[in-house]
Amino acid sequence: MSSINPELRQQVMSIYKQLLYLGRDYPQGYNYFRPRLHRAFMANASLTDEAEIRQAIARAQFVQKD
């Protein structure tokens, strides 16, 4: 992920941290939530196209709003 736009990297890190924070109140517990969030983000770690990265960020923001 180091070869992508630094602005996009910052957005990804920010949404990840925000979702981790929200995970504290997850009904099944933080210890259930955190590994699944990590896996979801790692599944997209190989993305290099900026449009695909922006789309993944938009999906994460949608999840955050619910």
PDB file of N, CA and C in Angstrom:
ATOM      1  N   MET A   1       0.818  -1.188   0.000  1.00  0.00           N
ATOM      2  CA  MET A   1       0.000   0.000   0.000  1.00  0.00           C
ATOM      3  C   MET A   1       0.864   1.255   0.000  1.00  0.00           C
ATOM      4  N   SER A   2       2.154   1.114   0.132  1.00  0.00           N
ATOM      5  CA  SER A   2       3.008   2.290   0.195  1.00  0.00           C
ATOM      6  C   SER A   2       3.143   3.003  -1.142  1.00  0.00           C
ATOM      7  N   SER A   3       2.773   2.361  -2.250  1.00  0.00           N
ATOM      8  CA  SER A   3       2.929   2.988  -3.548  1.00  0.00           C
ATOM      9  C   SER A   3       1.703   3.800  -3.975  1.00  0.00           C
ATOM     10  N   ILE A   4       0.678   3.819  -3.156  1.00  0.00           N
ATOM     11  CA  ILE A   4      -0.510   4.572  -3.536  1.00  0.00           C
ATOM     12  C   ILE A   4      -0.397   6.025  -3.100  1.00  0.00           C
ATOM     13  N   ASN A   5      -1.321   6.794  -3.552  1.00  0.00           N
ATOM     14  CA  ASN A   5      -1.425   8.207  -3.217  1.00  0.00           C
ATOM     15  C   ASN A   5      -1.452   8.364  -1.685  1.00  0.00           C
ATOM     16  N   PRO A   6      -0.592   9.204  -1.116  1.00  0.00           N
ATOM     17  CA  PRO A   6      -0.561   9.369   0.347  1.00  0.00           C
ATOM     18  C   PRO A   6      -1.906   9.835   0.922  1.00  0.00           C
ATOM     19  N   GLU A   7      -2.649  10.609   0.149  1.00  0.00           N
ATOM     20  CA  GLU A   7      -3.963  11.072   0.612  1.00  0.00           C
ATOM     21  C   GLU A   7      -4.923   9.892   0.765  1.00  0.00           C
ATOM     22  N   LEU A   8      -4.899   8.984  -0.202  1.00  0.00           N
ATOM     23  CA  LEU A   8      -5.758   7.799  -0.125  1.00  0.00           C
ATOM     24  C   LEU A   8      -5.341   6.903   1.036  1.00  0.00           C
ATOM     25  N   ARG A   9      -4.042   6.761   1.226  1.00  0.00           N
ATOM     26  CA  ARG A   9      -3.542   5.946   2.343  1.00  0.00           C
ATOM     27  C   ARG A   9      -4.052   6.513   3.667  1.00  0.00           C
ATOM     28  N   GLN A  10      -4.011   7.831   3.797  1.00  0.00           N
ATOM     29  CA  GLN A  10      -4.491   8.475   5.016  1.00  0.00           C
ATOM     30  C   GLN A  10      -5.987   8.231   5.209  1.00  0.00           C
ATOM     31  N   GLN A  11      -6.758   8.268   4.123  1.00  0.00           N
ATOM     32  CA  GLN A  11      -8.193   8.015   4.214  1.00  0.00           C
ATOM     33  C   GLN A  11      -8.465   6.583   4.658  1.00  0.00           C
ATOM     34  N   VAL A  12      -7.702   5.638   4.114  1.00  0.00           N
ATOM     35  CA  VAL A  12      -7.879   4.230   4.491  1.00  0.00           C
ATOM     36  C   VAL A  12      -7.554   4.039   5.971  1.00  0.00           C
ATOM     37  N   MET A  13      -6.457   4.602   6.412  1.00  0.00           N
ATOM     38  CA  MET A  13      -6.063   4.476   7.821  1.00  0.00           C
ATOM     39  C   MET A  13      -7.108   5.119   8.732  1.00  0.00           C
ATOM     40  N   SER A  14      -7.622   6.246   8.323  1.00  0.00           N
ATOM     41  CA  SER A  14      -8.612   6.959   9.123  1.00  0.00           C
ATOM     42  C   SER A  14      -9.904   6.157   9.263  1.00  0.00           C
ATOM     43  N   ILE A  15     -10.418   5.617   8.169  1.00  0.00           N
ATOM     44  CA  ILE A  15     -11.670   4.858   8.238  1.00  0.00           C
ATOM     45  C   ILE A  15     -11.460   3.579   9.030  1.00  0.00           C
ATOM     46  N   TYR A  16     -10.281   2.975   8.919  1.00  0.00           N
ATOM     47  CA  TYR A  16      -9.978   1.768   9.695  1.00  0.00           C
ATOM     48  C   TYR A  16     -10.014   2.081  11.191  1.00  0.00           C
ATOM     49  N   LYS A  17      -9.385   3.183  11.578  1.00  0.00           N
ATOM     50  CA  LYS A  17      -9.374   3.572  12.990  1.00  0.00           C
ATOM     51  C   LYS A  17     -10.778   3.915  13.487  1.00  0.00           C
ATOM     52  N   GLN A  18     -11.552   4.581  12.648  1.00  0.00           N
ATOM     53  CA  GLN A  18     -12.921   4.924  13.036  1.00  0.00           C
ATOM     54  C   GLN A  18     -13.767   3.668  13.230  1.00  0.00           C
ATOM     55  N   LEU A  19     -13.608   2.707  12.335  1.00  0.00           N
ATOM     56  CA  LEU A  19     -14.364   1.463  12.469  1.00  0.00           C
ATOM     57  C   LEU A  19     -13.908   0.670  13.689  1.00  0.00           C
ATOM     58  N   LEU A  20     -12.614   0.686  13.974  1.00  0.00           N
ATOM     59  CA  LEU A  20     -12.131   0.026  15.192  1.00  0.00           C
ATOM     60  C   LEU A  20     -12.768   0.651  16.426  1.00  0.00           C
ATOM     61  N   TYR A  21     -12.859   1.964  16.431  1.00  0.00           N
ATOM     62  CA  TYR A  21     -13.470   2.665  17.554  1.00  0.00           C
ATOM     63  C   TYR A  21     -14.938   2.268  17.703  1.00  0.00           C
ATOM     64  N   LEU A  22     -15.659   2.217  16.577  1.00  0.00           N
ATOM     65  CA  LEU A  22     -17.067   1.818  16.622  1.00  0.00           C
ATOM     66  C   LEU A  22     -17.222   0.365  17.061  1.00  0.00           C
ATOM     67  N   GLY A  23     -16.235  -0.454  16.782  1.00  0.00           N
ATOM     68  CA  GLY A  23     -16.284  -1.866  17.136  1.00  0.00           C
ATOM     69  C   GLY A  23     -16.308  -2.122  18.632  1.00  0.00           C
ATOM     70  N   ARG A  24     -15.934  -1.141  19.412  1.00  0.00           N
ATOM     71  CA  ARG A  24     -15.971  -1.316  20.873  1.00  0.00           C
ATOM     72  C   ARG A  24     -17.385  -1.607  21.358  1.00  0.00           C
ATOM     73  N   ASP A  25     -18.380  -1.080  20.659  1.00  0.00           N
ATOM     74  CA  ASP A  25     -19.773  -1.250  21.058  1.00  0.00           C
ATOM     75  C   ASP A  25     -20.473  -2.352  20.262  1.00  0.00           C
ATOM     76  N   TYR A  26     -19.713  -3.152  19.519  1.00  0.00           N
ATOM     77  CA  TYR A  26     -20.305  -4.216  18.717  1.00  0.00           C
ATOM     78  C   TYR A  26     -20.965  -5.242  19.642  1.00  0.00           C
ATOM     79  N   PRO A  27     -22.172  -5.690  19.322  1.00  0.00           N
ATOM     80  CA  PRO A  27     -22.907  -6.594  20.226  1.00  0.00           C
ATOM     81  C   PRO A  27     -22.153  -7.876  20.580  1.00  0.00           C
ATOM     82  N   GLN A  28     -21.379  -8.414  19.651  1.00  0.00           N
ATOM     83  CA  GLN A  28     -20.670  -9.660  19.942  1.00  0.00           C
ATOM     84  C   GLN A  28     -19.290  -9.421  20.530  1.00  0.00           C
ATOM     85  N   GLY A  29     -18.960  -8.185  20.760  1.00  0.00           N
ATOM     86  CA  GLY A  29     -17.718  -7.845  21.429  1.00  0.00           C
ATOM     87  C   GLY A  29     -16.597  -7.421  20.488  1.00  0.00           C
ATOM     88  N   TYR A  30     -15.685  -6.674  21.043  1.00  0.00           N
ATOM     89  CA  TYR A  30     -14.551  -6.144  20.295  1.00  0.00           C
ATOM     90  C   TYR A  30     -13.644  -7.264  19.803  1.00  0.00           C
ATOM     91  N   ASN A  31     -13.462  -8.295  20.643  1.00  0.00           N
ATOM     92  CA  ASN A  31     -12.592  -9.406  20.267  1.00  0.00           C
ATOM     93  C   ASN A  31     -13.158 -10.214  19.103  1.00  0.00           C
ATOM     94  N   TYR A  32     -14.437 -10.129  18.856  1.00  0.00           N
ATOM     95  CA  TYR A  32     -15.071 -10.748  17.692  1.00  0.00           C
ATOM     96  C   TYR A  32     -14.934  -9.829  16.471  1.00  0.00           C
ATOM     97  N   PHE A  33     -15.105  -8.538  16.699  1.00  0.00           N
ATOM     98  CA  PHE A  33     -15.154  -7.556  15.630  1.00  0.00           C
ATOM     99  C   PHE A  33     -13.794  -7.286  14.986  1.00  0.00           C
ATOM    100  N   ARG A  34     -12.775  -7.102  15.818  1.00  0.00           N
ATOM    101  CA  ARG A  34     -11.471  -6.660  15.321  1.00  0.00           C
ATOM    102  C   ARG A  34     -10.860  -7.584  14.278  1.00  0.00           C
ATOM    103  N   PRO A  35     -10.781  -8.906  14.502  1.00  0.00           N
ATOM    104  CA  PRO A  35     -10.173  -9.763  13.474  1.00  0.00           C
ATOM    105  C   PRO A  35     -10.946  -9.750  12.152  1.00  0.00           C
ATOM    106  N   ARG A  36     -12.240  -9.614  12.225  1.00  0.00           N
ATOM    107  CA  ARG A  36     -13.043  -9.589  11.003  1.00  0.00           C
ATOM    108  C   ARG A  36     -12.829  -8.285  10.234  1.00  0.00           C
ATOM    109  N   LEU A  37     -12.712  -7.197  10.957  1.00  0.00           N
ATOM    110  CA  LEU A  37     -12.413  -5.923  10.307  1.00  0.00           C
ATOM    111  C   LEU A  37     -11.040  -5.994   9.640  1.00  0.00           C
ATOM    112  N   HIS A  38     -10.080  -6.546  10.338  1.00  0.00           N
ATOM    113  CA  HIS A  38      -8.733  -6.668   9.803  1.00  0.00           C
ATOM    114  C   HIS A  38      -8.732  -7.508   8.527  1.00  0.00           C
ATOM    115  N   ARG A  39      -9.435  -8.628   8.548  1.00  0.00           N
ATOM    116  CA  ARG A  39      -9.521  -9.487   7.355  1.00  0.00           C
ATOM    117  C   ARG A  39     -10.174  -8.751   6.183  1.00  0.00           C
ATOM    118  N   ALA A  40     -11.217  -7.979   6.481  1.00  0.00           N
ATOM    119  CA  ALA A  40     -11.903  -7.235   5.421  1.00  0.00           C
ATOM    120  C   ALA A  40     -10.961  -6.227   4.766  1.00  0.00           C
ATOM    121  N   PHE A  41     -10.158  -5.553   5.557  1.00  0.00           N
ATOM    122  CA  PHE A  41      -9.232  -4.578   5.008  1.00  0.00           C
ATOM    123  C   PHE A  41      -8.068  -5.265   4.295  1.00  0.00           C
ATOM    124  N   MET A  42      -7.599  -6.382   4.824  1.00  0.00           N
ATOM    125  CA  MET A  42      -6.498  -7.101   4.183  1.00  0.00           C
ATOM    126  C   MET A  42      -6.931  -7.712   2.854  1.00  0.00           C
ATOM    127  N   ALA A  43      -8.199  -8.012   2.702  1.00  0.00           N
ATOM    128  CA  ALA A  43      -8.704  -8.547   1.439  1.00  0.00           C
ATOM    129  C   ALA A  43      -8.558  -7.514   0.318  1.00  0.00           C
ATOM    130  N   ASN A  44      -8.521  -6.254   0.681  1.00  0.00           N
ATOM    131  CA  ASN A  44      -8.382  -5.174  -0.298  1.00  0.00           C
ATOM    132  C   ASN A  44      -6.983  -4.558  -0.294  1.00  0.00           C
ATOM    133  N   ALA A  45      -6.064  -5.138   0.424  1.00  0.00           N
ATOM    134  CA  ALA A  45      -4.721  -4.563   0.543  1.00  0.00           C
ATOM    135  C   ALA A  45      -3.965  -4.571  -0.780  1.00  0.00           C
ATOM    136  N   SER A  46      -4.327  -5.440  -1.689  1.00  0.00           N
ATOM    137  CA  SER A  46      -3.601  -5.537  -2.955  1.00  0.00           C
ATOM    138  C   SER A  46      -4.117  -4.553  -4.013  1.00  0.00           C
ATOM    139  N   LEU A  47      -5.116  -3.772  -3.690  1.00  0.00           N
ATOM    140  CA  LEU A  47      -5.650  -2.809  -4.655  1.00  0.00           C
ATOM    141  C   LEU A  47      -4.606  -1.745  -4.967  1.00  0.00           C
ATOM    142  N   THR A  48      -4.447  -1.446  -6.250  1.00  0.00           N
ATOM    143  CA  THR A  48      -3.494  -0.412  -6.645  1.00  0.00           C
ATOM    144  C   THR A  48      -4.153   0.685  -7.473  1.00  0.00           C
ATOM    145  N   ASP A  49      -5.272   0.390  -8.087  1.00  0.00           N
ATOM    146  CA  ASP A  49      -5.982   1.380  -8.893  1.00  0.00           C
ATOM    147  C   ASP A  49      -6.704   2.373  -7.973  1.00  0.00           C
ATOM    148  N   GLU A  50      -6.478   3.650  -8.183  1.00  0.00           N
ATOM    149  CA  GLU A  50      -7.063   4.665  -7.301  1.00  0.00           C
ATOM    150  C   GLU A  50      -8.584   4.626  -7.300  1.00  0.00           C
ATOM    151  N   ALA A  51      -9.192   4.342  -8.435  1.00  0.00           N
ATOM    152  CA  ALA A  51     -10.657   4.281  -8.499  1.00  0.00           C
ATOM    153  C   ALA A  51     -11.188   3.128  -7.644  1.00  0.00           C
ATOM    154  N   GLU A  52     -10.518   1.988  -7.683  1.00  0.00           N
ATOM    155  CA  GLU A  52     -10.936   0.844  -6.868  1.00  0.00           C
ATOM    156  C   GLU A  52     -10.751   1.136  -5.381  1.00  0.00           C
ATOM    157  N   ILE A  53      -9.669   1.822  -5.044  1.00  0.00           N
ATOM    158  CA  ILE A  53      -9.419   2.174  -3.645  1.00  0.00           C
ATOM    159  C   ILE A  53     -10.493   3.137  -3.149  1.00  0.00           C
ATOM    160  N   ARG A  54     -10.828   4.109  -3.966  1.00  0.00           N
ATOM    161  CA  ARG A  54     -11.891   5.063  -3.587  1.00  0.00           C
ATOM    162  C   ARG A  54     -13.226   4.341  -3.415  1.00  0.00           C
ATOM    163  N   GLN A  55     -13.492   3.365  -4.261  1.00  0.00           N
ATOM    164  CA  GLN A  55     -14.726   2.587  -4.151  1.00  0.00           C
ATOM    165  C   GLN A  55     -14.736   1.778  -2.849  1.00  0.00           C
ATOM    166  N   ALA A  56     -13.602   1.207  -2.475  1.00  0.00           N
ATOM    167  CA  ALA A  56     -13.513   0.457  -1.231  1.00  0.00           C
ATOM    168  C   ALA A  56     -13.688   1.390  -0.025  1.00  0.00           C
ATOM    169  N   ILE A  57     -13.145   2.585  -0.106  1.00  0.00           N
ATOM    170  CA  ILE A  57     -13.316   3.577   0.959  1.00  0.00           C
ATOM    171  C   ILE A  57     -14.792   3.941   1.086  1.00  0.00           C
ATOM    172  N   ALA A  58     -15.458   4.116  -0.045  1.00  0.00           N
ATOM    173  CA  ALA A  58     -16.889   4.454  -0.020  1.00  0.00           C
ATOM    174  C   ALA A  58     -17.702   3.333   0.620  1.00  0.00           C
ATOM    175  N   ARG A  59     -17.353   2.078   0.341  1.00  0.00           N
ATOM    176  CA  ARG A  59     -18.044   0.939   0.978  1.00  0.00           C
ATOM    177  C   ARG A  59     -17.843   0.960   2.492  1.00  0.00           C
ATOM    178  N   ALA A  60     -16.615   1.241   2.912  1.00  0.00           N
ATOM    179  CA  ALA A  60     -16.324   1.291   4.347  1.00  0.00           C
ATOM    180  C   ALA A  60     -17.081   2.425   5.018  1.00  0.00           C
ATOM    181  N   GLN A  61     -17.200   3.559   4.353  1.00  0.00           N
ATOM    182  CA  GLN A  61     -17.942   4.682   4.913  1.00  0.00           C
ATOM    183  C   GLN A  61     -19.429   4.346   5.001  1.00  0.00           C
ATOM    184  N   PHE A  62     -19.944   3.598   4.036  1.00  0.00           N
ATOM    185  CA  PHE A  62     -21.335   3.166   4.070  1.00  0.00           C
ATOM    186  C   PHE A  62     -21.579   2.266   5.268  1.00  0.00           C
ATOM    187  N   VAL A  63     -20.676   1.339   5.515  1.00  0.00           N
ATOM    188  CA  VAL A  63     -20.781   0.435   6.665  1.00  0.00           C
ATOM    189  C   VAL A  63     -20.726   1.236   7.958  1.00  0.00           C
ATOM    190  N   GLN A  64     -19.891   2.247   7.982  1.00  0.00           N
ATOM    191  CA  GLN A  64     -19.738   3.077   9.167  1.00  0.00           C
ATOM    192  C   GLN A  64     -21.031   3.821   9.506  1.00  0.00           C
ATOM    193  N   LYS A  65     -21.771   4.243   8.491  1.00  0.00           N
ATOM    194  CA  LYS A  65     -22.983   5.025   8.718  1.00  0.00           C
ATOM    195  C   LYS A  65     -24.133   4.190   9.253  1.00  0.00           C
ATOM    196  N   ASP A  66     -24.149   2.891   8.972  1.00  0.00           N
ATOM    197  CA  ASP A  66     -25.256   2.042   9.435  1.00  0.00           C
ATOM    198  C   ASP A  66     -25.195   1.742  10.904  1.00  0.00           C
TER     199      ASP A  66
END
